[in-house]
Each structure stands twice: as structure tokens, then as C-alpha cells.
């Protein structure tokens, strides 16, 4: 099954809500891997994924792997702009 479907099903079973980010909002990638913790601005909402703009370009990430930056589910990484002198 698609990860978005699994996340919606899990939210219904646990009674928690699924957060939908509007265009212009900030979102953090929570998927483990190279881009885990990146924060970017939502520039587009596709059918199944967000398009997040950040310093290196645009990432497309399924809805279920993006959260608002204030939720702190997992460890975070600093944005690359913050690392620049």
C-alpha cells in the first residue's frame, strides 16, 4: 500500500489527525535518509506529495513523510543556509 494510505489508516486507528500543509508553509522531512531533517517551504501540493523548496533545490516528498517544523518527532538537522557564514 502507498505510505500515505498507511499513515491515514494509522491516524484513524490512533485517533490522531493528519496535518495538511498549505502552499507557503514550512515542512520538515521526517523520512530517514540523506534529507532527514531538512526544512523547506511548500511550493506545490501534488496528488500524493509535497514539493519542498530548500537551499539545494526542490524535493518531492510523500505527504506522510513531512511534518510542520514545530512537531519534533525525530532528530533534526540545521538548514544549510544556517551553516553558511
Protein backbone atom coordinates (compact mmCIF):
# COMPACT_ATOMS: atom_id res chain seq x y z
CA UNK A 1 0.00 0.00 0.00
CA UNK A 2 1.04 3.60 -0.53
CA UNK A 3 2.73 5.21 2.52
CA UNK A 4 0.11 8.00 2.58
CA UNK A 5 -2.66 5.39 2.89
CA UNK A 6 -0.82 3.64 5.72
CA UNK A 7 -0.35 6.96 7.54
CA UNK A 8 -4.03 7.89 7.18
CA UNK A 9 -5.10 4.45 8.41
CA UNK A 10 -2.73 4.67 11.39
CA UNK A 11 -4.10 8.15 12.22
CA UNK A 12 -7.67 6.83 12.21
CA UNK A 13 -6.75 3.87 14.42
CA UNK A 14 -4.93 6.01 16.98
CA UNK A 15 -7.33 8.95 16.88
CA UNK A 16 -4.71 11.46 15.81
CA UNK A 17 -5.21 13.82 12.90
CA UNK A 18 -3.30 14.10 9.66
CA UNK A 19 -1.81 17.56 9.15
CA UNK A 20 -2.17 19.02 5.64
CA UNK A 21 0.31 21.81 4.97
CA UNK A 22 -0.79 24.67 2.71
CA UNK A 23 1.40 26.17 0.00
CA UNK A 24 3.81 28.63 1.62
CA UNK A 25 4.07 26.74 4.92
CA UNK A 26 7.31 25.24 6.18
CA UNK A 27 7.66 21.48 6.32
CA UNK A 28 10.34 19.18 7.74
CA UNK A 29 11.29 15.88 6.09
CA UNK A 30 10.99 13.00 8.60
CA UNK A 31 11.92 10.20 6.22
CA UNK A 32 15.18 8.54 7.25
CA UNK A 33 17.97 9.15 4.77
CA UNK A 34 20.00 11.89 3.14
CA UNK A 35 17.36 14.63 3.52
CA UNK A 36 16.08 13.71 7.00
CA UNK A 37 15.50 16.89 9.00
CA UNK A 38 15.62 19.31 6.08
CA UNK A 39 13.17 22.17 6.38
CA UNK A 40 11.75 23.74 3.25
CA UNK A 41 8.86 25.86 2.06
CA UNK A 42 5.93 24.06 0.40
CA UNK A 43 5.84 25.45 -3.15
CA UNK A 44 3.34 22.95 -4.55
CA UNK A 45 0.98 20.19 -3.37
CA UNK A 46 0.73 17.36 -5.84
CA UNK A 47 -1.72 14.49 -5.72
CA UNK A 48 0.38 12.41 -3.30
CA UNK A 49 3.37 14.56 -2.33
CA UNK A 50 4.66 17.98 -1.36
CA UNK A 51 7.22 19.92 -3.36
CA UNK A 52 9.57 21.50 -0.80
CA UNK A 53 11.97 24.28 -1.78
CA UNK A 54 15.24 24.49 0.10
CA UNK A 55 18.80 25.72 -0.48
CA UNK A 56 19.75 22.84 -2.80
CA UNK A 57 16.63 22.91 -5.00
CA UNK A 58 13.19 21.32 -4.81
CA UNK A 59 12.45 17.99 -3.11
CA UNK A 60 9.30 15.97 -3.73
CA UNK A 61 8.28 14.07 -0.60
CA UNK A 62 5.13 11.99 0.08
CA UNK A 63 2.69 13.71 2.46
CA UNK A 64 3.24 11.19 5.23
CA UNK A 65 6.99 11.99 5.44
CA UNK A 66 6.56 15.75 6.01
CA UNK A 67 5.56 17.43 9.27
CA UNK A 68 5.32 21.04 10.45
CA UNK A 69 8.69 22.14 11.89
CA UNK A 70 7.31 22.63 15.42
CA UNK A 71 6.30 18.96 15.91
CA UNK A 72 9.80 17.49 16.56
CA UNK A 73 9.13 13.78 16.07
CA UNK A 74 12.71 12.87 15.32
CA UNK A 75 16.19 14.41 15.38
CA UNK A 76 16.62 17.45 13.17
CA UNK A 77 19.37 18.85 11.01
CA UNK A 78 20.08 22.52 10.53
CA UNK A 79 19.11 24.07 7.25
CA UNK A 80 22.11 24.58 5.01
CA UNK A 81 21.52 28.35 4.96
CA UNK A 82 22.14 28.36 8.71
CA UNK A 83 25.52 26.67 8.17
CA UNK A 84 26.74 29.29 5.67
CA UNK A 85 28.99 32.08 7.00
